[in-house]
Amino acid sequence: MFEVRIFNPFKGDMDTIATLAVSSENEAASRAEEFLFANGIKLGEIGAAGSDKRRTIIGLPDQESVATDSGGFWFVANHIYFIFKCIKEEMGLKVDSFVDLGCGPGNVLINARNLLGATRLTGVEIDPALVEQAKINTGSLNAEIIQADLLEWKPAVNDFDLVYAYDPIQDLAVREKFFARLASWLKDGQYVYYHRIVGEMPGWLELVAIPNYDIPCLYTFNRDKV
């Protein structure tokens, strides 16, 4: 027996709004998708009862397969679907060039193409196994996947419309070094999506309000405050 939980991603505590009992993972996928579209929602968590397996449904077949194969990354797309849609459709931000710092298997890069319309995609990842997986997952997108340490890497040319990072470094001392490196190459006024898990955000990242969303994650860089 499988259990499907549908939750509200606009709430910080992920309120569960529906629970569906199904007999197989395939049925879980189809039932969740039916519920989400019928109720005007685009995302749900599908988890096999008694296991750690996760599957994400966001209405994008290519992203769904990546999320399914990359167990543990399901929660990333949860916020991204709504925020990326809002950035493009409600805030009107044009994102053509996009970089993911700590890109893992590349699922966020796929979202950047599908939801933001970004055509120039770059991912930076230190783990060689994840680098190879990201190259496979984003092969059809012509993304550039770079194996590098974020404490040392900086782009040869910084022309990114949006710099993305899902708190790639959680050790606070190392994180400060990462922020110092990041501040050395960001451009004044550049948009930065940084989903914080630990520590405090530096003052040189100024918060940008996202309509109907209560978790701070979109900023602009202010060089005068570095």
Protein backbone atom coordinates (compact mmCIF):
# COMPACT_ATOMS: atom_id res chain seq x y z
CA MET A 1 0.00 0.00 0.00
CA PHE A 2 1.25 3.48 -0.91
CA GLU A 3 0.30 6.80 0.60
CA VAL A 4 0.17 10.12 -1.23
CA ARG A 5 0.37 13.33 0.78
CA ILE A 6 -0.61 16.60 -0.85
CA PHE A 7 0.71 19.64 0.97
CA ASN A 8 0.59 23.42 0.72
CA PRO A 9 4.09 24.62 -0.26
CA PHE A 10 3.29 28.27 0.50
CA LYS A 11 3.39 27.49 4.23
CA GLY A 12 6.69 27.17 6.03
CA ASP A 13 5.46 24.07 7.90
CA MET A 14 4.11 22.36 4.76
CA ASP A 15 0.51 21.86 5.89
CA THR A 16 -0.95 18.59 4.60
CA ILE A 17 -4.22 19.29 2.79
CA ALA A 18 -5.08 15.78 1.55
CA THR A 19 -4.03 12.14 1.95
CA LEU A 20 -4.79 9.53 -0.71
CA ALA A 21 -4.49 5.75 -0.31
CA VAL A 22 -3.42 3.90 -3.47
CA SER A 23 -2.25 0.39 -4.35
CA SER A 24 0.86 1.11 -6.41
CA GLU A 25 3.41 3.80 -7.17
CA ASN A 26 2.04 4.21 -10.69
CA GLU A 27 -1.44 4.76 -9.30
CA ALA A 28 0.03 7.18 -6.77
CA ALA A 29 1.49 9.28 -9.58
CA SER A 30 -1.74 9.39 -11.59
CA ARG A 31 -4.02 10.01 -8.59
CA ALA A 32 -1.80 12.79 -7.26
CA GLU A 33 -1.66 14.46 -10.64
CA GLU A 34 -5.46 14.27 -10.98
CA PHE A 35 -5.93 15.83 -7.55
CA LEU A 36 -3.39 18.58 -8.11
CA PHE A 37 -4.75 19.71 -11.45
CA ALA A 38 -8.37 19.43 -10.30
CA ASN A 39 -7.63 21.73 -7.37
CA GLY A 40 -5.42 24.19 -9.23
CA ILE A 41 -2.26 22.96 -7.50
CA LYS A 42 0.83 21.79 -9.34
CA LEU A 43 2.91 19.89 -6.82
CA GLY A 44 2.65 17.01 -4.36
CA GLU A 45 4.88 14.65 -2.41
CA ILE A 46 4.50 10.95 -3.14
CA GLY A 47 6.14 8.63 -0.63
CA ALA A 48 5.90 4.87 -0.28
CA ALA A 49 4.64 4.11 3.23
CA GLY A 50 7.45 2.81 5.44
CA SER A 51 10.26 3.87 3.11
CA ASP A 52 12.37 6.91 2.33
CA LYS A 53 11.48 6.90 -1.38
CA ARG A 54 10.17 10.18 -2.70
CA ARG A 55 8.61 11.16 -5.98
CA THR A 56 7.74 14.67 -7.09
CA ILE A 57 4.92 15.57 -9.45
CA ILE A 58 5.02 19.06 -10.96
CA GLY A 59 3.39 18.52 -14.33
CA LEU A 60 6.71 18.46 -16.20
CA PRO A 61 7.59 14.92 -17.40
CA ASP A 62 11.33 15.51 -17.77
CA GLN A 63 11.65 17.01 -14.30
CA GLU A 64 9.52 14.26 -12.78
CA SER A 65 11.91 11.56 -14.00
CA VAL A 66 14.91 13.41 -12.65
CA ALA A 67 13.31 13.98 -9.26
CA THR A 68 12.30 10.33 -9.06
CA ASP A 69 15.80 9.11 -9.83
CA SER A 70 17.45 11.59 -7.48
CA GLY A 71 15.92 10.55 -4.16
CA GLY A 72 16.45 13.20 -1.52
CA PHE A 73 16.15 16.16 -3.86
CA TRP A 74 12.39 16.06 -4.02
CA PHE A 75 12.01 19.01 -1.61
CA VAL A 76 13.97 21.41 -3.83
CA ALA A 77 11.43 21.49 -6.63
CA ASN A 78 8.68 21.97 -4.05
CA HIS A 79 9.43 25.68 -3.59
CA ILE A 80 11.05 26.25 -6.94
CA TYR A 81 7.99 25.47 -9.02
CA PHE A 82 5.95 28.25 -7.46
CA ILE A 83 8.77 30.76 -7.03
CA PHE A 84 10.13 30.40 -10.55
CA LYS A 85 6.63 30.72 -11.99
CA CYS A 86 6.08 33.84 -9.87
CA ILE A 87 9.45 35.36 -10.82
CA LYS A 88 8.61 35.06 -14.51
CA GLU A 89 4.85 35.54 -14.67
CA GLU A 90 4.03 37.87 -11.75
CA MET A 91 7.28 39.77 -11.18
CA GLY A 92 8.20 39.90 -14.85
CA LEU A 93 11.90 39.18 -14.33
CA LYS A 94 13.66 38.06 -17.50
CA VAL A 95 16.09 35.21 -16.81
CA ASP A 96 18.03 34.03 -19.83
CA SER A 97 21.34 33.10 -18.18
CA PHE A 98 21.17 31.03 -14.98
CA VAL A 99 23.80 29.44 -12.72
CA ASP A 100 23.20 26.87 -9.97
CA LEU A 101 25.95 26.83 -7.31
CA GLY A 102 26.01 23.26 -5.99
CA CYS A 103 23.82 21.89 -8.79
CA GLY A 104 23.75 18.24 -7.65
CA PRO A 105 22.14 16.06 -10.36
CA GLY A 106 20.86 19.09 -12.29
CA ASN A 107 17.16 19.08 -11.45
CA VAL A 108 17.07 22.82 -10.71
CA LEU A 109 18.68 23.56 -14.08
CA ILE A 110 15.80 21.71 -15.74
CA ASN A 111 13.35 23.86 -13.80
CA ALA A 112 15.22 27.00 -14.87
CA ARG A 113 14.75 26.02 -18.51
CA ASN A 114 11.12 24.92 -18.21
CA LEU A 115 9.80 27.53 -15.77
CA LEU A 116 12.03 30.59 -16.28
CA GLY A 117 12.77 30.06 -19.95
CA ALA A 118 16.53 30.30 -19.35
CA THR A 119 18.51 29.25 -22.41
CA ARG A 120 22.05 29.50 -21.02
CA LEU A 121 22.42 27.13 -18.08
CA THR A 122 25.49 26.60 -15.89
CA GLY A 123 25.86 24.20 -12.95
CA VAL A 124 28.79 24.06 -10.53
CA GLU A 125 29.27 20.93 -8.40
CA ILE A 126 32.24 19.51 -6.46
CA ASP A 127 31.10 15.85 -6.33
CA PRO A 128 32.34 14.09 -9.52
CA ALA A 129 29.52 11.50 -9.42
CA LEU A 130 26.88 14.24 -9.29
CA VAL A 131 28.68 16.13 -12.05
CA GLU A 132 28.35 13.12 -14.34
CA GLN A 133 24.69 12.64 -13.38
CA ALA A 134 23.96 16.32 -14.03
CA LYS A 135 25.56 16.06 -17.47
CA ILE A 136 23.30 13.11 -18.29
CA ASN A 137 20.14 14.73 -16.91
CA THR A 138 20.71 18.07 -18.67
CA GLY A 139 22.26 16.70 -21.85
CA SER A 140 19.40 17.83 -24.06
CA LEU A 141 19.55 21.37 -22.61
CA ASN A 142 23.19 22.06 -23.57
CA ALA A 143 23.92 23.04 -19.98
CA GLU A 144 27.52 23.65 -18.94
CA ILE A 145 28.33 21.52 -15.89
CA ILE A 146 31.55 22.47 -14.09
CA GLN A 147 33.32 20.40 -11.45
CA ALA A 148 34.76 22.90 -8.98
CA ASP A 149 35.03 23.91 -5.32
CA LEU A 150 32.72 26.87 -4.64
CA LEU A 151 35.32 28.28 -2.23
CA GLU A 152 37.66 28.76 -5.19
CA TRP A 153 35.45 29.03 -8.28
CA LYS A 154 34.35 32.22 -9.96
CA PRO A 155 32.95 32.62 -13.48
CA ALA A 156 35.22 33.77 -16.27
CA VAL A 157 32.38 36.09 -17.28
CA ASN A 158 29.54 36.92 -14.90
CA ASP A 159 26.58 37.61 -17.15
CA PHE A 160 24.03 35.63 -15.13
CA ASP A 161 20.53 37.03 -14.77
CA LEU A 162 19.99 34.84 -11.71
CA VAL A 163 22.51 33.18 -9.38
CA TYR A 164 20.97 30.24 -7.51
CA ALA A 165 22.14 28.37 -4.39
CA TYR A 166 20.22 26.10 -2.03
CA ASP A 167 22.48 26.67 1.00
CA PRO A 168 25.25 24.50 -0.50
CA ILE A 169 27.54 24.80 2.57
CA GLN A 170 26.14 24.29 6.07
CA ASP A 171 29.36 24.44 8.10
CA LEU A 172 29.17 28.04 9.37
CA ALA A 173 32.91 28.76 9.22
CA VAL A 174 33.23 27.38 5.69
CA ARG A 175 30.01 29.15 4.73
CA GLU A 176 31.58 32.51 5.57
CA LYS A 177 34.40 31.73 3.14
CA PHE A 178 31.83 30.83 0.50
CA PHE A 179 30.02 34.14 1.01
CA ALA A 180 33.32 36.04 0.75
CA ARG A 181 34.08 34.30 -2.54
CA LEU A 182 30.56 34.94 -3.81
CA ALA A 183 30.75 38.65 -2.94
CA SER A 184 34.03 38.94 -4.85
CA TRP A 185 32.39 38.25 -8.21
CA LEU A 186 28.72 39.25 -7.95
CA LYS A 187 27.66 42.39 -9.80
CA ASP A 188 25.87 45.27 -8.11
CA GLY A 189 22.11 44.75 -8.41
CA GLN A 190 22.43 41.12 -9.54
CA TYR A 191 19.59 38.80 -8.54
CA VAL A 192 20.51 35.96 -6.17
CA TYR A 193 18.18 33.13 -5.16
CA TYR A 194 19.55 31.82 -1.86
CA HIS A 195 17.44 29.42 0.18
CA ARG A 196 18.94 29.64 3.69
CA ILE A 197 19.01 26.61 5.96
CA VAL A 198 21.57 27.68 8.59
CA GLY A 199 23.19 30.91 9.81
CA GLU A 200 22.32 34.50 8.93
CA MET A 201 22.27 36.17 5.56
CA PRO A 202 24.96 38.79 4.86
CA GLY A 203 23.82 42.41 4.81
CA TRP A 204 24.96 42.86 1.23
CA LEU A 205 22.16 40.60 0.03
CA GLU A 206 19.01 42.72 0.13
CA LEU A 207 15.70 40.89 0.31
CA VAL A 208 13.24 41.08 -2.59
CA ALA A 209 9.62 40.39 -1.67
CA ILE A 210 7.90 37.56 -3.58
CA PRO A 211 4.10 37.89 -3.80
CA ASN A 212 2.20 35.44 -1.56
CA TYR A 213 5.35 33.67 -0.37
CA ASP A 214 6.57 33.79 3.22
CA ILE A 215 10.05 32.24 3.01
CA PRO A 216 12.86 34.72 2.17
CA CYS A 217 14.99 33.51 -0.73
CA LEU A 218 15.28 36.17 -3.46
CA TYR A 219 17.83 38.96 -3.05
CA THR A 220 19.79 41.59 -4.94
CA PHE A 221 23.50 42.20 -4.38
CA ASN A 222 24.56 45.57 -2.94
CA ARG A 223 28.31 46.04 -3.32
CA ASP A 224 28.34 49.14 -1.13
CA LYS A 225 27.44 46.97 1.88
CA VAL A 226 30.27 44.44 1.44
